[in-house]
C-alpha atoms as a PDB file:
ATOM      1  CA  MET A   1      -0.001  -0.003   0.006  1.00  0.00           C
ATOM      2  CA  LEU A   2       1.354   3.416  -0.938  1.00  0.00           C
ATOM      3  CA  GLN A   3       1.513   6.178   1.641  1.00  0.00           C
ATOM      4  CA  THR A   4      -1.015   8.189  -0.328  1.00  0.00           C
ATOM      5  CA  GLU A   5      -3.550   5.364  -0.355  1.00  0.00           C
ATOM      6  CA  ASP A   6      -6.330   4.863   2.154  1.00  0.00           C
ATOM      7  CA  PRO A   7      -6.210   1.413   3.803  1.00  0.00           C
ATOM      8  CA  ALA A   8      -9.935   1.714   4.566  1.00  0.00           C
ATOM      9  CA  ALA A   9     -10.628   1.907   0.835  1.00  0.00           C
ATOM     10  CA  PHE A  10      -8.816  -1.381   0.303  1.00  0.00           C
ATOM     11  CA  TYR A  11     -10.713  -3.099   3.112  1.00  0.00           C
ATOM     12  CA  THR A  12     -13.989  -1.744   1.730  1.00  0.00           C
ATOM     13  CA  GLN A  13     -13.113  -3.277  -1.635  1.00  0.00           C
ATOM     14  CA  LEU A  14     -12.095  -6.549   0.035  1.00  0.00           C
ATOM     15  CA  ASN A  15     -15.392  -6.721   1.929  1.00  0.00           C
ATOM     16  CA  GLU A  16     -17.284  -6.065  -1.305  1.00  0.00           C
ATOM     17  CA  PHE A  17     -15.505  -9.004  -2.940  1.00  0.00           C
ATOM     18  CA  ILE A  18     -16.286 -11.195   0.062  1.00  0.00           C
ATOM     19  CA  GLN A  19     -19.958 -10.191  -0.061  1.00  0.00           C
ATOM     20  CA  GLU A  20     -20.131 -10.814  -3.778  1.00  0.00           C
ATOM     21  CA  TRP A  21     -18.372 -14.200  -3.820  1.00  0.00           C
ATOM     22  CA  GLN A  22     -19.446 -15.405  -0.359  1.00  0.00           C
ATOM     23  CA  PRO A  23     -16.572 -17.865   0.045  1.00  0.00           C
ATOM     24  CA  VAL A  24     -17.554 -20.859   2.151  1.00  0.00           C
ATOM     25  CA  THR A  25     -14.156 -22.498   2.522  1.00  0.00           C
ATOM     26  CA  LYS A  26     -10.758 -21.316   3.662  1.00  0.00           C
ATOM     27  CA  THR A  27      -9.358 -21.903   0.174  1.00  0.00           C
ATOM     28  CA  ARG A  28     -12.099 -19.860  -1.463  1.00  0.00           C
ATOM     29  CA  MET A  29     -11.593 -17.071   1.073  1.00  0.00           C
ATOM     30  CA  HIS A  30      -7.883 -17.105   0.237  1.00  0.00           C
ATOM     31  CA  LEU A  31      -8.687 -16.821  -3.488  1.00  0.00           C
ATOM     32  CA  VAL A  32     -11.130 -13.953  -2.904  1.00  0.00           C
ATOM     33  CA  LYS A  33      -8.455 -12.115  -0.903  1.00  0.00           C
ATOM     34  CA  ARG A  34      -5.983 -12.697  -3.713  1.00  0.00           C
ATOM     35  CA  ILE A  35      -8.510 -11.281  -6.201  1.00  0.00           C
ATOM     36  CA  ALA A  36      -8.934  -8.198  -4.027  1.00  0.00           C
ATOM     37  CA  VAL A  37      -5.154  -7.685  -3.715  1.00  0.00           C
ATOM     38  CA  ALA A  38      -4.561  -8.235  -7.434  1.00  0.00           C
ATOM     39  CA  THR A  39      -7.352  -5.835  -8.329  1.00  0.00           C
ATOM     40  CA  TRP A  40      -5.961  -3.223  -5.906  1.00  0.00           C
ATOM     41  CA  LYS A  41      -2.461  -3.543  -7.370  1.00  0.00           C
ATOM     42  CA  LEU A  42      -3.712  -3.251 -10.947  1.00  0.00           C
ATOM     43  CA  ASP A  43      -5.723  -0.164 -10.060  1.00  0.00           C
ATOM     44  CA  GLN A  44      -2.666   1.187  -8.239  1.00  0.00           C
ATOM     45  CA  CYS A  45      -0.576   0.763 -11.395  1.00  0.00           C
ATOM     46  CA  VAL A  46      -3.141   2.753 -13.378  1.00  0.00           C
ATOM     47  CA  ARG A  47      -3.156   5.530 -10.755  1.00  0.00           C
ATOM     48  CA  VAL A  48       0.640   5.711 -10.624  1.00  0.00           C
ATOM     49  CA  ALA A  49       0.975   5.691 -14.412  1.00  0.00           C
ATOM     50  CA  ALA A  50      -1.669   8.429 -14.751  1.00  0.00           C
ATOM     51  CA  GLY A  51       0.151  10.534 -12.175  1.00  0.00           C
ATOM     52  CA  ARG A  52       3.470  10.125 -13.932  1.00  0.00           C
ATOM     53  CA  LEU A  53       1.935  10.926 -17.304  1.00  0.00           C
ATOM     54  CA  SER A  54       0.290  14.021 -15.853  1.00  0.00           C
ATOM     55  CA  ARG A  55       3.608  15.232 -14.415  1.00  0.00           C
ATOM     56  CA  ARG A  56       5.386  14.605 -17.720  1.00  0.00           C
ATOM     57  CA  ALA A  57       2.679  16.476 -19.631  1.00  0.00           C
ATOM     58  CA  SER A  58       2.921  19.418 -17.216  1.00  0.00           C
ATOM     59  CA  ALA A  59       6.697  19.522 -17.545  1.00  0.00           C
ATOM     60  CA  ALA A  60       6.444  19.371 -21.350  1.00  0.00           C
ATOM     61  CA  LEU A  61       3.927  22.210 -21.368  1.00  0.00           C
ATOM     62  CA  LYS A  62       6.163  24.358 -19.148  1.00  0.00           C
ATOM     63  CA  GLN A  63       9.141  23.626 -21.397  1.00  0.00           C
ATOM     64  CA  TRP A  64       7.119  24.487 -24.502  1.00  0.00           C
ATOM     65  CA  ASP A  65       6.048  27.782 -22.921  1.00  0.00           C
ATOM     66  CA  ALA A  66       9.650  28.577 -21.961  1.00  0.00           C
ATOM     67  CA  ASN A  67      10.803  27.819 -25.504  1.00  0.00           C
ATOM     68  CA  ARG A  68       8.081  30.092 -26.958  1.00  0.00           C
ATOM     69  CA  VAL A  69       9.051  32.935 -24.596  1.00  0.00           C
ATOM     70  CA  ALA A  70      12.714  32.540 -25.566  1.00  0.00           C
ATOM     71  CA  SER A  71      11.795  32.531 -29.267  1.00  0.00           C
ATOM     72  CA  VAL A  72       9.732  35.693 -28.910  1.00  0.00           C
ATOM     73  CA  LYS A  73      12.546  37.406 -26.980  1.00  0.00           C
ATOM     74  CA  ARG A  74      15.026  36.504 -29.743  1.00  0.00           C
ATOM     75  CA  SER A  75      12.651  37.860 -32.362  1.00  0.00           C
ATOM     76  CA  VAL A  76      12.182  41.113 -30.423  1.00  0.00           C
ATOM     77  CA  ALA A  77      15.946  41.475 -30.065  1.00  0.00           C
ATOM     78  CA  LEU A  78      16.350  41.048 -33.847  1.00  0.00           C
ATOM     79  CA  LEU A  79      13.734  43.734 -34.465  1.00  0.00           C
ATOM     80  CA  GLU A  80      15.819  46.203 -32.465  1.00  0.00           C
ATOM     81  CA  THR A  81      18.863  45.682 -34.717  1.00  0.00           C
ATOM     82  CA  ASP A  82      17.203  44.830 -38.032  1.00  0.00           C
ATOM     83  CA  PRO A  83      13.635  46.159 -38.287  1.00  0.00           C
END
């Protein structure tokens, strides 16, 4: 579990799986718990990947803006010497 994740949310999901599957043996309970953990980890991967993509997109946008500002400044400087 990541520090940013809510353990209560995981246990809510686990309980929902238990209610849905209603395991009647120890083995089935184990399998339902494994389903809940696997589902949590897959969802976690999606959340982490989305966060990383969002940060990369923000960084790219900032870099693009910085490049545009630099380009405009160069163009303005050229106008001062060669209108």
